[in-house]
Amino acid sequence: MIDNFALGLTHALLLLAAWRLLSRPDLADDAAPRTPRRGWFGKDA
């Protein structure tokens, strides 16, 4: 049971990271304005 949970959790985290990277507006547009860097919990970096 714990093995299935660990596999599911890691795959879900990988899918979340890929989804966030692919949903960036500046992914394929070199002329897109750079978004300001945000720190942890939305604080300015």
N, C-alpha and C. Protein backbone atom coordinates (compact mmCIF):
# COMPACT_ATOMS: atom_id res chain seq x y z
N MET A 1 0.83 -1.19 0.00
CA MET A 1 0.00 0.00 0.00
C MET A 1 0.87 1.26 0.00
N ILE A 2 1.90 1.28 0.82
CA ILE A 2 2.74 2.47 0.89
C ILE A 2 3.51 2.68 -0.41
N ASP A 3 3.85 1.58 -1.09
CA ASP A 3 4.56 1.71 -2.36
C ASP A 3 3.69 2.40 -3.41
N ASN A 4 2.41 2.02 -3.47
CA ASN A 4 1.51 2.66 -4.41
C ASN A 4 1.31 4.13 -4.07
N PHE A 5 1.23 4.45 -2.79
CA PHE A 5 1.09 5.84 -2.37
C PHE A 5 2.32 6.65 -2.76
N ALA A 6 3.50 6.11 -2.52
CA ALA A 6 4.74 6.82 -2.85
C ALA A 6 4.86 7.03 -4.35
N LEU A 7 4.54 6.03 -5.14
CA LEU A 7 4.58 6.18 -6.60
C LEU A 7 3.55 7.19 -7.08
N GLY A 8 2.36 7.14 -6.54
CA GLY A 8 1.31 8.08 -6.93
C GLY A 8 1.67 9.50 -6.55
N LEU A 9 2.22 9.69 -5.37
CA LEU A 9 2.59 11.03 -4.92
C LEU A 9 3.69 11.62 -5.77
N THR A 10 4.73 10.86 -6.06
CA THR A 10 5.83 11.39 -6.86
C THR A 10 5.38 11.68 -8.29
N HIS A 11 4.54 10.83 -8.85
CA HIS A 11 4.05 11.09 -10.20
C HIS A 11 3.13 12.31 -10.23
N ALA A 12 2.33 12.48 -9.20
CA ALA A 12 1.46 13.66 -9.13
C ALA A 12 2.29 14.93 -9.03
N LEU A 13 3.36 14.90 -8.26
CA LEU A 13 4.22 16.08 -8.14
C LEU A 13 4.94 16.38 -9.45
N LEU A 14 5.37 15.35 -10.15
CA LEU A 14 6.00 15.56 -11.46
C LEU A 14 5.00 16.14 -12.46
N LEU A 15 3.77 15.65 -12.45
CA LEU A 15 2.74 16.20 -13.34
C LEU A 15 2.44 17.65 -13.00
N LEU A 16 2.39 17.98 -11.72
CA LEU A 16 2.15 19.36 -11.31
C LEU A 16 3.27 20.28 -11.78
N ALA A 17 4.51 19.84 -11.63
CA ALA A 17 5.65 20.65 -12.08
C ALA A 17 5.63 20.83 -13.60
N ALA A 18 5.33 19.78 -14.34
CA ALA A 18 5.27 19.89 -15.80
C ALA A 18 4.14 20.80 -16.23
N TRP A 19 2.99 20.69 -15.57
CA TRP A 19 1.84 21.54 -15.91
C TRP A 19 2.15 23.01 -15.66
N ARG A 20 2.82 23.30 -14.54
CA ARG A 20 3.18 24.69 -14.25
C ARG A 20 4.20 25.23 -15.24
N LEU A 21 5.16 24.41 -15.64
CA LEU A 21 6.15 24.86 -16.62
C LEU A 21 5.52 25.08 -17.99
N LEU A 22 4.64 24.18 -18.40
CA LEU A 22 4.03 24.29 -19.73
C LEU A 22 2.98 25.40 -19.80
N SER A 23 2.46 25.84 -18.67
CA SER A 23 1.44 26.88 -18.69
C SER A 23 2.03 28.29 -18.61
N ARG A 24 3.35 28.41 -18.61
CA ARG A 24 3.98 29.73 -18.56
C ARG A 24 3.75 30.46 -19.88
N PRO A 25 3.37 31.75 -19.83
CA PRO A 25 3.11 32.48 -21.07
C PRO A 25 4.38 32.77 -21.88
N ASP A 26 5.52 32.81 -21.24
CA ASP A 26 6.76 33.13 -21.96
C ASP A 26 7.52 31.88 -22.40
N LEU A 27 6.86 30.74 -22.43
CA LEU A 27 7.53 29.50 -22.78
C LEU A 27 8.02 29.51 -24.23
N ALA A 28 7.18 29.94 -25.17
CA ALA A 28 7.55 29.89 -26.58
C ALA A 28 7.65 31.27 -27.21
N ASP A 29 7.60 32.32 -26.40
CA ASP A 29 7.61 33.68 -26.93
C ASP A 29 8.81 34.41 -26.36
N ASP A 30 9.83 34.63 -27.20
CA ASP A 30 11.02 35.32 -26.74
C ASP A 30 10.77 36.79 -26.44
N ALA A 31 9.76 37.38 -27.07
CA ALA A 31 9.48 38.80 -26.87
C ALA A 31 8.54 39.05 -25.69
N ALA A 32 8.09 38.01 -25.03
CA ALA A 32 7.18 38.19 -23.91
C ALA A 32 7.89 38.88 -22.75
N PRO A 33 7.20 39.77 -22.07
CA PRO A 33 7.84 40.42 -20.92
C PRO A 33 8.12 39.41 -19.83
N ARG A 34 9.23 39.62 -19.18
CA ARG A 34 9.61 38.70 -18.12
C ARG A 34 8.75 38.96 -16.89
N THR A 35 8.25 37.91 -16.32
CA THR A 35 7.41 38.06 -15.13
C THR A 35 8.32 38.31 -13.93
N PRO A 36 7.88 39.14 -12.99
CA PRO A 36 8.72 39.40 -11.82
C PRO A 36 8.89 38.14 -10.99
N ARG A 37 10.06 38.00 -10.41
CA ARG A 37 10.32 36.84 -9.56
C ARG A 37 9.53 36.95 -8.29
N ARG A 38 8.94 35.84 -7.93
CA ARG A 38 8.18 35.79 -6.68
C ARG A 38 8.87 34.80 -5.76
N GLY A 39 8.91 35.12 -4.50
CA GLY A 39 9.52 34.23 -3.52
C GLY A 39 8.51 33.23 -3.00
N TRP A 40 8.84 32.64 -1.88
CA TRP A 40 7.95 31.66 -1.27
C TRP A 40 6.67 32.35 -0.81
N PHE A 41 5.58 31.71 -0.98
CA PHE A 41 4.26 32.15 -0.54
C PHE A 41 3.87 33.50 -1.12
N GLY A 42 4.34 33.81 -2.34
CA GLY A 42 3.93 35.02 -3.04
C GLY A 42 4.64 36.28 -2.62
N LYS A 43 5.64 36.17 -1.76
CA LYS A 43 6.38 37.36 -1.34
C LYS A 43 7.36 37.76 -2.43
N ASP A 44 7.64 39.05 -2.55
CA ASP A 44 8.60 39.52 -3.55
C ASP A 44 10.00 39.06 -3.19
N ALA A 45 10.73 38.65 -4.20
CA ALA A 45 12.10 38.17 -3.97
C ALA A 45 13.09 39.29 -4.15
